[in-house]
Amino acid sequence: MVRTSLAVTAALVAAAGPTLAQPAPAGPAGCDTPESHQLDFWVGKWEVHPNGADKIVAHSLIEKKYSGCAVRENWMPLGKELTGGGGSLSSYDPQSRHWRQTWVDSSGTRADFEGGFANGVMSITGTWPGFAGPGKDALVRMNYQKQPDGQVRQWGEASSDEGKSWKPAFDLLYRHVQAFPKF
């Protein structure tokens, strides 16, 4: 009986041909799809200014990491009004066909965003705890766009009525720098 089962199994495997014996083809090393490169314009060393102003409010180091599968941000604010710091990790999720970002800062805030790239703009939306004040969460939509001069504009809108209406929240320009100044 065992010999018959083995013979039947061997016959079925042989009849199936080489498709059962071959492993599934491997995907590209790392993440090298057009979608995984949609946020590459943000990669670099930056000084960050409010749009239309020369005052530097932060330095930001944006790196492509993990075999090209993620974009990591290290946000380093300057001045007394912007204490602490934080960072984000962004990646394209091929299963959902969306970009996802998780932000964590020195106050312990964590915010998760999801969105995509269209018409030259990366737009992601998520609930940001305490964004509208202590205990007041807001839906925040952040947009990133490469400017013709190589700068990157990041602007945000916030909604406290679950996206029925939106108000401008911030508008920043990222300007390339070779190195961060020593303080």
N, C-alpha and C. Protein backbone atom coordinates (compact mmCIF):
# COMPACT_ATOMS: atom_id res chain seq x y z
N MET A 1 0.82 -1.19 0.00
CA MET A 1 0.00 0.00 0.00
C MET A 1 0.86 1.25 0.00
N VAL A 2 1.92 1.24 0.83
CA VAL A 2 2.82 2.40 0.88
C VAL A 2 3.50 2.58 -0.47
N ARG A 3 3.92 1.43 -1.09
CA ARG A 3 4.58 1.51 -2.39
C ARG A 3 3.63 2.06 -3.44
N THR A 4 2.36 1.68 -3.37
CA THR A 4 1.38 2.17 -4.34
C THR A 4 1.19 3.67 -4.18
N SER A 5 1.09 4.14 -2.94
CA SER A 5 0.92 5.58 -2.69
C SER A 5 2.13 6.36 -3.17
N LEU A 6 3.33 5.80 -2.92
CA LEU A 6 4.53 6.48 -3.39
C LEU A 6 4.58 6.52 -4.90
N ALA A 7 4.18 5.42 -5.53
CA ALA A 7 4.20 5.37 -6.99
C ALA A 7 3.20 6.36 -7.57
N VAL A 8 2.01 6.45 -6.97
CA VAL A 8 1.00 7.40 -7.44
C VAL A 8 1.49 8.83 -7.25
N THR A 9 2.06 9.12 -6.11
CA THR A 9 2.59 10.46 -5.84
C THR A 9 3.69 10.81 -6.84
N ALA A 10 4.61 9.87 -7.09
CA ALA A 10 5.69 10.11 -8.04
C ALA A 10 5.13 10.36 -9.43
N ALA A 11 4.11 9.61 -9.81
CA ALA A 11 3.50 9.78 -11.12
C ALA A 11 2.83 11.14 -11.25
N LEU A 12 2.17 11.58 -10.20
CA LEU A 12 1.52 12.90 -10.23
C LEU A 12 2.54 14.02 -10.33
N VAL A 13 3.63 13.91 -9.60
CA VAL A 13 4.69 14.93 -9.65
C VAL A 13 5.30 14.95 -11.04
N ALA A 14 5.56 13.78 -11.60
CA ALA A 14 6.15 13.71 -12.94
C ALA A 14 5.19 14.29 -13.97
N ALA A 15 3.89 14.00 -13.84
CA ALA A 15 2.91 14.51 -14.79
C ALA A 15 2.78 16.03 -14.70
N ALA A 16 2.98 16.58 -13.51
CA ALA A 16 2.87 18.03 -13.33
C ALA A 16 4.03 18.74 -14.01
N GLY A 17 5.08 18.01 -14.29
CA GLY A 17 6.22 18.59 -14.99
C GLY A 17 7.07 19.43 -14.07
N PRO A 18 7.94 20.21 -14.68
CA PRO A 18 8.92 20.97 -13.91
C PRO A 18 8.32 22.11 -13.10
N THR A 19 7.06 22.48 -13.32
CA THR A 19 6.49 23.61 -12.60
C THR A 19 6.45 23.39 -11.10
N LEU A 20 6.21 22.17 -10.65
CA LEU A 20 6.18 21.92 -9.21
C LEU A 20 7.58 21.91 -8.61
N ALA A 21 8.54 21.52 -9.38
CA ALA A 21 9.89 21.39 -8.85
C ALA A 21 10.62 22.73 -8.79
N GLN A 22 10.19 23.71 -9.56
CA GLN A 22 10.90 24.99 -9.61
C GLN A 22 10.35 25.95 -8.57
N PRO A 23 11.23 26.65 -7.87
CA PRO A 23 10.75 27.65 -6.92
C PRO A 23 10.16 28.84 -7.68
N ALA A 24 9.31 29.58 -6.99
CA ALA A 24 8.74 30.78 -7.58
C ALA A 24 9.85 31.76 -7.91
N PRO A 25 9.72 32.50 -9.02
CA PRO A 25 10.78 33.45 -9.36
C PRO A 25 10.92 34.51 -8.27
N ALA A 26 12.15 34.86 -7.98
CA ALA A 26 12.42 35.87 -6.95
C ALA A 26 12.11 37.25 -7.49
N GLY A 27 11.62 38.11 -6.63
CA GLY A 27 11.38 39.49 -7.01
C GLY A 27 12.69 40.25 -7.10
N PRO A 28 12.64 41.51 -7.48
CA PRO A 28 13.87 42.28 -7.59
C PRO A 28 14.55 42.43 -6.23
N ALA A 29 15.86 42.54 -6.25
CA ALA A 29 16.59 42.78 -4.99
C ALA A 29 16.14 44.11 -4.44
N GLY A 30 15.72 44.12 -3.20
CA GLY A 30 15.23 45.36 -2.61
C GLY A 30 13.89 45.73 -3.23
N CYS A 31 13.66 47.00 -3.33
CA CYS A 31 12.41 47.50 -3.89
C CYS A 31 12.76 48.42 -5.04
N ASP A 32 12.73 47.87 -6.23
CA ASP A 32 13.14 48.63 -7.40
C ASP A 32 12.02 48.70 -8.42
N THR A 33 10.85 49.13 -7.97
CA THR A 33 9.72 49.34 -8.86
C THR A 33 9.55 50.83 -9.07
N PRO A 34 8.87 51.25 -10.11
CA PRO A 34 8.63 52.69 -10.29
C PRO A 34 7.94 53.32 -9.08
N GLU A 35 7.01 52.59 -8.48
CA GLU A 35 6.29 53.13 -7.32
C GLU A 35 7.22 53.34 -6.14
N SER A 36 8.17 52.45 -5.94
CA SER A 36 9.06 52.57 -4.78
C SER A 36 10.02 53.76 -4.91
N HIS A 37 10.07 54.36 -6.09
CA HIS A 37 10.94 55.53 -6.32
C HIS A 37 10.16 56.85 -6.32
N GLN A 38 8.86 56.82 -6.09
CA GLN A 38 8.05 58.03 -6.20
C GLN A 38 8.40 59.12 -5.19
N LEU A 39 8.99 58.76 -4.06
CA LEU A 39 9.33 59.75 -3.04
C LEU A 39 10.84 60.04 -3.01
N ASP A 40 11.58 59.52 -3.97
CA ASP A 40 13.03 59.72 -3.99
C ASP A 40 13.42 61.20 -4.07
N PHE A 41 12.57 62.04 -4.63
CA PHE A 41 12.90 63.48 -4.73
C PHE A 41 13.09 64.13 -3.37
N TRP A 42 12.61 63.50 -2.31
CA TRP A 42 12.71 64.05 -0.96
C TRP A 42 14.02 63.64 -0.27
N VAL A 43 14.75 62.70 -0.84
CA VAL A 43 15.97 62.19 -0.23
C VAL A 43 17.06 63.25 -0.29
N GLY A 44 17.73 63.50 0.84
CA GLY A 44 18.83 64.45 0.89
C GLY A 44 18.98 65.09 2.25
N LYS A 45 19.92 66.04 2.33
CA LYS A 45 20.11 66.86 3.53
C LYS A 45 19.45 68.20 3.25
N TRP A 46 18.64 68.66 4.20
CA TRP A 46 17.82 69.84 3.96
C TRP A 46 17.85 70.81 5.14
N GLU A 47 17.74 72.09 4.83
CA GLU A 47 17.33 73.07 5.83
C GLU A 47 15.89 73.41 5.48
N VAL A 48 15.07 73.54 6.51
CA VAL A 48 13.64 73.70 6.29
C VAL A 48 13.21 75.10 6.72
N HIS A 49 12.47 75.75 5.84
CA HIS A 49 11.99 77.12 6.04
C HIS A 49 10.48 77.16 5.88
N PRO A 50 9.81 78.07 6.59
CA PRO A 50 8.42 78.32 6.21
C PRO A 50 8.41 78.85 4.78
N ASN A 51 7.44 78.44 3.98
CA ASN A 51 7.37 78.88 2.59
C ASN A 51 7.27 80.41 2.55
N GLY A 52 8.18 81.03 1.83
CA GLY A 52 8.20 82.48 1.70
C GLY A 52 9.06 83.19 2.73
N ALA A 53 9.75 82.45 3.60
CA ALA A 53 10.59 83.07 4.64
C ALA A 53 12.00 82.48 4.56
N ASP A 54 12.96 83.23 5.09
CA ASP A 54 14.34 82.75 5.10
C ASP A 54 14.74 82.09 6.41
N LYS A 55 13.93 82.23 7.45
CA LYS A 55 14.25 81.65 8.74
C LYS A 55 14.29 80.13 8.66
N ILE A 56 15.36 79.53 9.16
CA ILE A 56 15.46 78.07 9.20
C ILE A 56 14.76 77.59 10.47
N VAL A 57 13.79 76.68 10.32
CA VAL A 57 13.09 76.14 11.48
C VAL A 57 13.54 74.73 11.84
N ALA A 58 14.23 74.07 10.89
CA ALA A 58 14.67 72.69 11.16
C ALA A 58 15.71 72.27 10.14
N HIS A 59 16.43 71.24 10.50
CA HIS A 59 17.23 70.48 9.55
C HIS A 59 16.53 69.14 9.41
N SER A 60 16.65 68.56 8.23
CA SER A 60 16.00 67.27 8.01
C SER A 60 16.90 66.41 7.14
N LEU A 61 17.16 65.22 7.62
CA LEU A 61 17.94 64.24 6.88
C LEU A 61 16.99 63.17 6.38
N ILE A 62 16.88 63.05 5.06
CA ILE A 62 15.97 62.08 4.45
C ILE A 62 16.84 61.07 3.71
N GLU A 63 16.71 59.79 4.07
CA GLU A 63 17.56 58.74 3.51
C GLU A 63 16.74 57.61 2.92
N LYS A 64 17.22 57.07 1.82
CA LYS A 64 16.65 55.85 1.25
C LYS A 64 17.32 54.69 1.97
N LYS A 65 16.56 53.81 2.58
CA LYS A 65 17.11 52.76 3.43
C LYS A 65 16.53 51.39 3.05
N TYR A 66 17.14 50.37 3.63
CA TYR A 66 16.64 49.00 3.59
C TYR A 66 16.46 48.49 2.15
N SER A 67 17.56 48.52 1.41
CA SER A 67 17.60 48.06 0.01
C SER A 67 16.60 48.82 -0.86
N GLY A 68 16.38 50.08 -0.53
CA GLY A 68 15.48 50.91 -1.32
C GLY A 68 14.02 50.75 -1.00
N CYS A 69 13.71 50.03 0.06
CA CYS A 69 12.31 49.75 0.39
C CYS A 69 11.65 50.81 1.27
N ALA A 70 12.42 51.76 1.80
CA ALA A 70 11.83 52.76 2.69
C ALA A 70 12.58 54.08 2.58
N VAL A 71 11.88 55.14 2.94
CA VAL A 71 12.44 56.47 3.04
C VAL A 71 12.34 56.86 4.52
N ARG A 72 13.50 57.15 5.12
CA ARG A 72 13.53 57.49 6.55
C ARG A 72 13.85 58.96 6.72
N GLU A 73 13.05 59.63 7.54
CA GLU A 73 13.22 61.06 7.83
C GLU A 73 13.70 61.23 9.27
N ASN A 74 14.68 62.11 9.44
CA ASN A 74 15.11 62.52 10.77
C ASN A 74 14.91 64.03 10.85
N TRP A 75 13.86 64.45 11.54
CA TRP A 75 13.45 65.86 11.67
C TRP A 75 14.09 66.45 12.91
N MET A 76 14.91 67.51 12.72
CA MET A 76 15.66 68.12 13.81
C MET A 76 15.30 69.61 13.90
N PRO A 77 14.27 69.95 14.68
CA PRO A 77 13.83 71.33 14.75
C PRO A 77 14.83 72.22 15.48
N LEU A 78 14.81 73.51 15.14
CA LEU A 78 15.66 74.52 15.77
C LEU A 78 14.79 75.51 16.53
N GLY A 79 15.35 76.16 17.52
CA GLY A 79 14.63 77.21 18.22
C GLY A 79 13.79 76.70 19.36
N LYS A 80 13.42 77.62 20.22
CA LYS A 80 12.67 77.27 21.43
C LYS A 80 11.23 76.85 21.13
N GLU A 81 10.63 77.42 20.07
CA GLU A 81 9.23 77.10 19.78
C GLU A 81 9.07 75.70 19.19
N LEU A 82 10.15 75.11 18.71
CA LEU A 82 10.08 73.77 18.12
C LEU A 82 11.05 72.86 18.85
N THR A 83 10.63 72.35 19.99
CA THR A 83 11.52 71.52 20.79
C THR A 83 11.43 70.06 20.34
N GLY A 84 12.39 69.30 20.79
CA GLY A 84 12.37 67.88 20.50
C GLY A 84 12.72 67.58 19.06
N GLY A 85 12.20 66.55 18.57
CA GLY A 85 12.44 66.12 17.20
C GLY A 85 11.60 64.90 16.94
N GLY A 86 11.81 64.33 15.79
CA GLY A 86 11.05 63.15 15.45
C GLY A 86 11.50 62.60 14.13
N GLY A 87 10.76 61.64 13.65
CA GLY A 87 11.11 61.05 12.38
C GLY A 87 9.98 60.21 11.84
N SER A 88 10.15 59.89 10.57
CA SER A 88 9.14 59.06 9.93
C SER A 88 9.80 57.97 9.11
N LEU A 89 9.04 56.95 8.84
CA LEU A 89 9.44 55.88 7.96
C LEU A 89 8.32 55.70 6.95
N SER A 90 8.66 55.86 5.67
CA SER A 90 7.66 55.78 4.61
C SER A 90 8.03 54.65 3.66
N SER A 91 7.02 53.94 3.17
CA SER A 91 7.28 52.88 2.20
C SER A 91 6.04 52.66 1.34
N TYR A 92 6.31 52.15 0.14
CA TYR A 92 5.23 51.79 -0.76
C TYR A 92 4.82 50.36 -0.46
N ASP A 93 3.52 50.15 -0.29
CA ASP A 93 2.98 48.82 -0.01
C ASP A 93 2.35 48.29 -1.30
N PRO A 94 3.03 47.35 -1.97
CA PRO A 94 2.49 46.86 -3.25
C PRO A 94 1.16 46.12 -3.11
N GLN A 95 0.86 45.58 -1.94
CA GLN A 95 -0.41 44.87 -1.77
C GLN A 95 -1.60 45.83 -1.81
N SER A 96 -1.48 46.96 -1.08
CA SER A 96 -2.58 47.93 -1.06
C SER A 96 -2.44 48.98 -2.16
N ARG A 97 -1.24 49.04 -2.77
CA ARG A 97 -0.92 50.05 -3.79
C ARG A 97 -1.00 51.45 -3.22
N HIS A 98 -0.62 51.58 -1.95
CA HIS A 98 -0.57 52.87 -1.27
C HIS A 98 0.80 53.08 -0.63
N TRP A 99 1.11 54.32 -0.40
CA TRP A 99 2.26 54.67 0.43
C TRP A 99 1.77 54.73 1.87
N ARG A 100 2.63 54.32 2.78
CA ARG A 100 2.33 54.38 4.21
C ARG A 100 3.48 55.09 4.91
N GLN A 101 3.14 55.88 5.90
CA GLN A 101 4.15 56.57 6.70
C GLN A 101 3.76 56.48 8.16
N THR A 102 4.76 56.21 9.00
CA THR A 102 4.56 56.28 10.44
C THR A 102 5.49 57.36 10.97
N TRP A 103 4.93 58.29 11.72
CA TRP A 103 5.66 59.39 12.35
C TRP A 103 5.71 59.13 13.85
N VAL A 104 6.88 59.30 14.45
CA VAL A 104 7.03 59.22 15.90
C VAL A 104 7.90 60.39 16.32
N ASP A 105 7.49 61.09 17.40
CA ASP A 105 8.31 62.22 17.83
C ASP A 105 8.70 62.11 19.29
N SER A 106 9.47 63.10 19.75
CA SER A 106 10.04 63.05 21.10
C SER A 106 9.00 63.24 22.20
N SER A 107 7.78 63.60 21.84
CA SER A 107 6.72 63.70 22.85
C SER A 107 5.99 62.36 23.03
N GLY A 108 6.35 61.39 22.17
CA GLY A 108 5.68 60.09 22.23
C GLY A 108 4.52 59.98 21.26
N THR A 109 4.28 61.02 20.49
CA THR A 109 3.19 60.98 19.52
C THR A 109 3.54 60.04 18.38
N ARG A 110 2.57 59.26 17.98
CA ARG A 110 2.70 58.39 16.81
C ARG A 110 1.50 58.66 15.91
N ALA A 111 1.78 58.85 14.63
CA ALA A 111 0.71 59.07 13.66
C ALA A 111 0.98 58.22 12.43
N ASP A 112 -0.06 57.59 11.93
CA ASP A 112 0.06 56.74 10.75
C ASP A 112 -0.71 57.37 9.60
N PHE A 113 -0.06 57.38 8.44
CA PHE A 113 -0.62 58.03 7.24
C PHE A 113 -0.64 57.04 6.09
N GLU A 114 -1.54 57.29 5.15
CA GLU A 114 -1.63 56.46 3.96
C GLU A 114 -2.04 57.35 2.80
N GLY A 115 -1.53 57.04 1.63
CA GLY A 115 -1.91 57.82 0.46
C GLY A 115 -1.17 57.38 -0.77
N GLY A 116 -0.95 58.32 -1.68
CA GLY A 116 -0.31 57.97 -2.93
C GLY A 116 0.23 59.15 -3.68
N PHE A 117 0.79 58.85 -4.83
CA PHE A 117 1.45 59.83 -5.68
C PHE A 117 0.61 60.04 -6.94
N ALA A 118 0.25 61.29 -7.22
CA ALA A 118 -0.51 61.62 -8.42
C ALA A 118 -0.20 63.04 -8.84
N ASN A 119 -0.06 63.25 -10.12
CA ASN A 119 0.17 64.59 -10.68
C ASN A 119 1.36 65.30 -10.04
N GLY A 120 2.42 64.55 -9.74
CA GLY A 120 3.63 65.14 -9.19
C GLY A 120 3.58 65.44 -7.70
N VAL A 121 2.53 65.02 -7.01
CA VAL A 121 2.38 65.30 -5.58
C VAL A 121 2.18 63.99 -4.82
N MET A 122 2.98 63.81 -3.76
CA MET A 122 2.75 62.71 -2.82
C MET A 122 1.81 63.27 -1.77
N SER A 123 0.68 62.62 -1.58
CA SER A 123 -0.32 63.08 -0.62
C SER A 123 -0.69 61.92 0.29
N ILE A 124 -0.51 62.12 1.60
CA ILE A 124 -0.82 61.08 2.58
C ILE A 124 -1.70 61.69 3.68
N THR A 125 -2.60 60.89 4.20
CA THR A 125 -3.56 61.37 5.20
C THR A 125 -3.63 60.40 6.36
N GLY A 126 -3.78 60.96 7.58
CA GLY A 126 -3.94 60.14 8.75
C GLY A 126 -4.36 60.96 9.96
N THR A 127 -4.76 60.28 11.00
CA THR A 127 -5.13 60.94 12.25
C THR A 127 -3.88 61.23 13.06
N TRP A 128 -3.73 62.49 13.48
CA TRP A 128 -2.57 62.93 14.26
C TRP A 128 -3.06 63.27 15.66
N PRO A 129 -2.71 62.46 16.65
CA PRO A 129 -3.15 62.73 18.02
C PRO A 129 -2.64 64.07 18.54
N GLY A 130 -3.53 64.85 19.11
CA GLY A 130 -3.17 66.13 19.72
C GLY A 130 -2.81 67.23 18.75
N PHE A 131 -3.00 67.04 17.46
CA PHE A 131 -2.61 68.05 16.47
C PHE A 131 -3.37 69.36 16.66
N ALA A 132 -4.64 69.28 17.02
CA ALA A 132 -5.47 70.48 17.19
C ALA A 132 -5.44 71.02 18.61
N GLY A 133 -4.53 70.49 19.44
CA GLY A 133 -4.41 70.92 20.84
C GLY A 133 -4.45 69.71 21.75
N PRO A 134 -4.18 69.91 23.04
CA PRO A 134 -4.17 68.78 23.97
C PRO A 134 -5.50 68.02 23.94
N GLY A 135 -5.41 66.72 23.67
CA GLY A 135 -6.60 65.88 23.64
C GLY A 135 -7.47 66.07 22.41
N LYS A 136 -7.01 66.86 21.43
CA LYS A 136 -7.81 67.14 20.23
C LYS A 136 -7.08 66.62 19.00
N ASP A 137 -7.49 65.44 18.57
CA ASP A 137 -6.89 64.86 17.37
C ASP A 137 -7.42 65.56 16.13
N ALA A 138 -6.69 65.42 15.04
CA ALA A 138 -7.13 65.99 13.77
C ALA A 138 -6.73 65.04 12.65
N LEU A 139 -7.51 65.06 11.62
CA LEU A 139 -7.15 64.38 10.39
C LEU A 139 -6.20 65.32 9.66
N VAL A 140 -5.02 64.84 9.32
CA VAL A 140 -4.00 65.68 8.68
C VAL A 140 -3.66 65.09 7.32
N ARG A 141 -3.66 65.96 6.32
CA ARG A 141 -3.24 65.57 4.98
C ARG A 141 -1.94 66.32 4.69
N MET A 142 -0.87 65.55 4.42
CA MET A 142 0.42 66.14 4.09
C MET A 142 0.72 65.90 2.62
N ASN A 143 1.27 66.93 1.99
CA ASN A 143 1.58 66.87 0.57
C ASN A 143 3.05 67.22 0.37
N TYR A 144 3.72 66.49 -0.53
CA TYR A 144 5.12 66.71 -0.85
C TYR A 144 5.23 66.88 -2.36
N GLN A 145 5.95 67.93 -2.79
CA GLN A 145 6.09 68.17 -4.22
C GLN A 145 7.46 68.76 -4.53
N LYS A 146 8.15 68.17 -5.49
CA LYS A 146 9.43 68.71 -5.94
C LYS A 146 9.16 69.97 -6.73
N GLN A 147 9.91 71.04 -6.41
CA GLN A 147 9.76 72.32 -7.08
C GLN A 147 10.73 72.39 -8.27
N PRO A 148 10.45 73.25 -9.24
CA PRO A 148 11.33 73.35 -10.41
C PRO A 148 12.79 73.65 -10.07
N ASP A 149 13.04 74.34 -8.95
CA ASP A 149 14.42 74.68 -8.57
C ASP A 149 15.09 73.61 -7.71
N GLY A 150 14.43 72.46 -7.53
CA GLY A 150 15.00 71.36 -6.76
C GLY A 150 14.59 71.33 -5.30
N GLN A 151 14.00 72.42 -4.80
CA GLN A 151 13.49 72.41 -3.43
C GLN A 151 12.29 71.46 -3.36
N VAL A 152 11.91 71.11 -2.15
CA VAL A 152 10.71 70.30 -1.95
C VAL A 152 9.76 71.10 -1.07
N ARG A 153 8.55 71.21 -1.52
CA ARG A 153 7.51 71.88 -0.72
C ARG A 153 6.71 70.80 -0.01
N GLN A 154 6.53 71.01 1.31
CA GLN A 154 5.67 70.14 2.10
C GLN A 154 4.62 71.04 2.73
N TRP A 155 3.37 70.79 2.44
CA TRP A 155 2.31 71.57 3.05
C TRP A 155 1.25 70.63 3.59
N GLY A 156 0.58 71.11 4.62
CA GLY A 156 -0.40 70.27 5.28
C GLY A 156 -1.70 71.00 5.51
N GLU A 157 -2.73 70.22 5.59
CA GLU A 157 -4.06 70.71 5.90
C GLU A 157 -4.61 69.85 7.02
N ALA A 158 -5.45 70.43 7.86
CA ALA A 158 -6.01 69.68 8.98
C ALA A 158 -7.53 69.80 8.97
N SER A 159 -8.16 68.74 9.42
CA SER A 159 -9.62 68.69 9.51
C SER A 159 -10.00 68.18 10.90
N SER A 160 -10.88 68.90 11.55
CA SER A 160 -11.38 68.43 12.85
C SER A 160 -12.81 67.91 12.72
N ASP A 161 -13.29 67.79 11.48
CA ASP A 161 -14.64 67.25 11.25
C ASP A 161 -14.61 66.04 10.31
N GLU A 162 -13.60 65.20 10.49
CA GLU A 162 -13.45 63.94 9.76
C GLU A 162 -13.36 64.12 8.25
N GLY A 163 -12.73 65.23 7.82
CA GLY A 163 -12.48 65.45 6.40
C GLY A 163 -13.56 66.18 5.65
N LYS A 164 -14.58 66.69 6.34
CA LYS A 164 -15.62 67.46 5.66
C LYS A 164 -15.10 68.82 5.23
N SER A 165 -14.24 69.40 6.05
CA SER A 165 -13.62 70.68 5.69
C SER A 165 -12.15 70.64 6.11
N TRP A 166 -11.33 71.41 5.41
CA TRP A 166 -9.88 71.42 5.64
C TRP A 166 -9.40 72.85 5.80
N LYS A 167 -8.42 73.03 6.68
CA LYS A 167 -7.79 74.34 6.89
C LYS A 167 -6.28 74.18 6.73
N PRO A 168 -5.62 75.17 6.14
CA PRO A 168 -4.16 75.10 6.04
C PRO A 168 -3.54 74.94 7.43
N ALA A 169 -2.53 74.07 7.54
CA ALA A 169 -1.89 73.81 8.84
C ALA A 169 -0.42 74.24 8.83
N PHE A 170 0.29 73.99 7.75
CA PHE A 170 1.70 74.40 7.63
C PHE A 170 2.08 74.39 6.16
N ASP A 171 3.16 75.14 5.86
CA ASP A 171 3.67 75.22 4.49
C ASP A 171 5.18 75.43 4.59
N LEU A 172 5.95 74.42 4.20
CA LEU A 172 7.40 74.43 4.39
C LEU A 172 8.12 74.21 3.07
N LEU A 173 9.33 74.76 2.97
CA LEU A 173 10.22 74.49 1.84
C LEU A 173 11.49 73.85 2.35
N TYR A 174 11.88 72.76 1.73
CA TYR A 174 13.12 72.07 2.03
C TYR A 174 14.16 72.51 1.01
N ARG A 175 15.28 73.07 1.49
CA ARG A 175 16.37 73.52 0.62
C ARG A 175 17.59 72.66 0.87
N HIS A 176 18.17 72.14 -0.23
CA HIS A 176 19.36 71.28 -0.12
C HIS A 176 20.52 71.99 0.56
N VAL A 177 21.23 71.26 1.40
CA VAL A 177 22.50 71.71 1.98
C VAL A 177 23.50 70.57 1.83
N GLN A 178 24.79 70.93 1.73
CA GLN A 178 25.84 69.92 1.65
C GLN A 178 26.09 69.26 3.00
N ALA A 179 26.02 70.08 4.05
CA ALA A 179 26.26 69.60 5.42
C ALA A 179 25.47 70.47 6.38
N PHE A 180 25.17 69.93 7.54
CA PHE A 180 24.49 70.71 8.55
C PHE A 180 25.52 71.52 9.31
N PRO A 181 25.20 72.77 9.69
CA PRO A 181 26.17 73.56 10.46
C PRO A 181 26.41 72.96 11.84
N LYS A 182 27.58 73.20 12.36
CA LYS A 182 27.91 72.73 13.73
C LYS A 182 27.50 73.82 14.71
N PHE A 183 26.84 73.41 15.77
CA PHE A 183 26.38 74.39 16.77
C PHE A 183 27.20 74.28 18.01
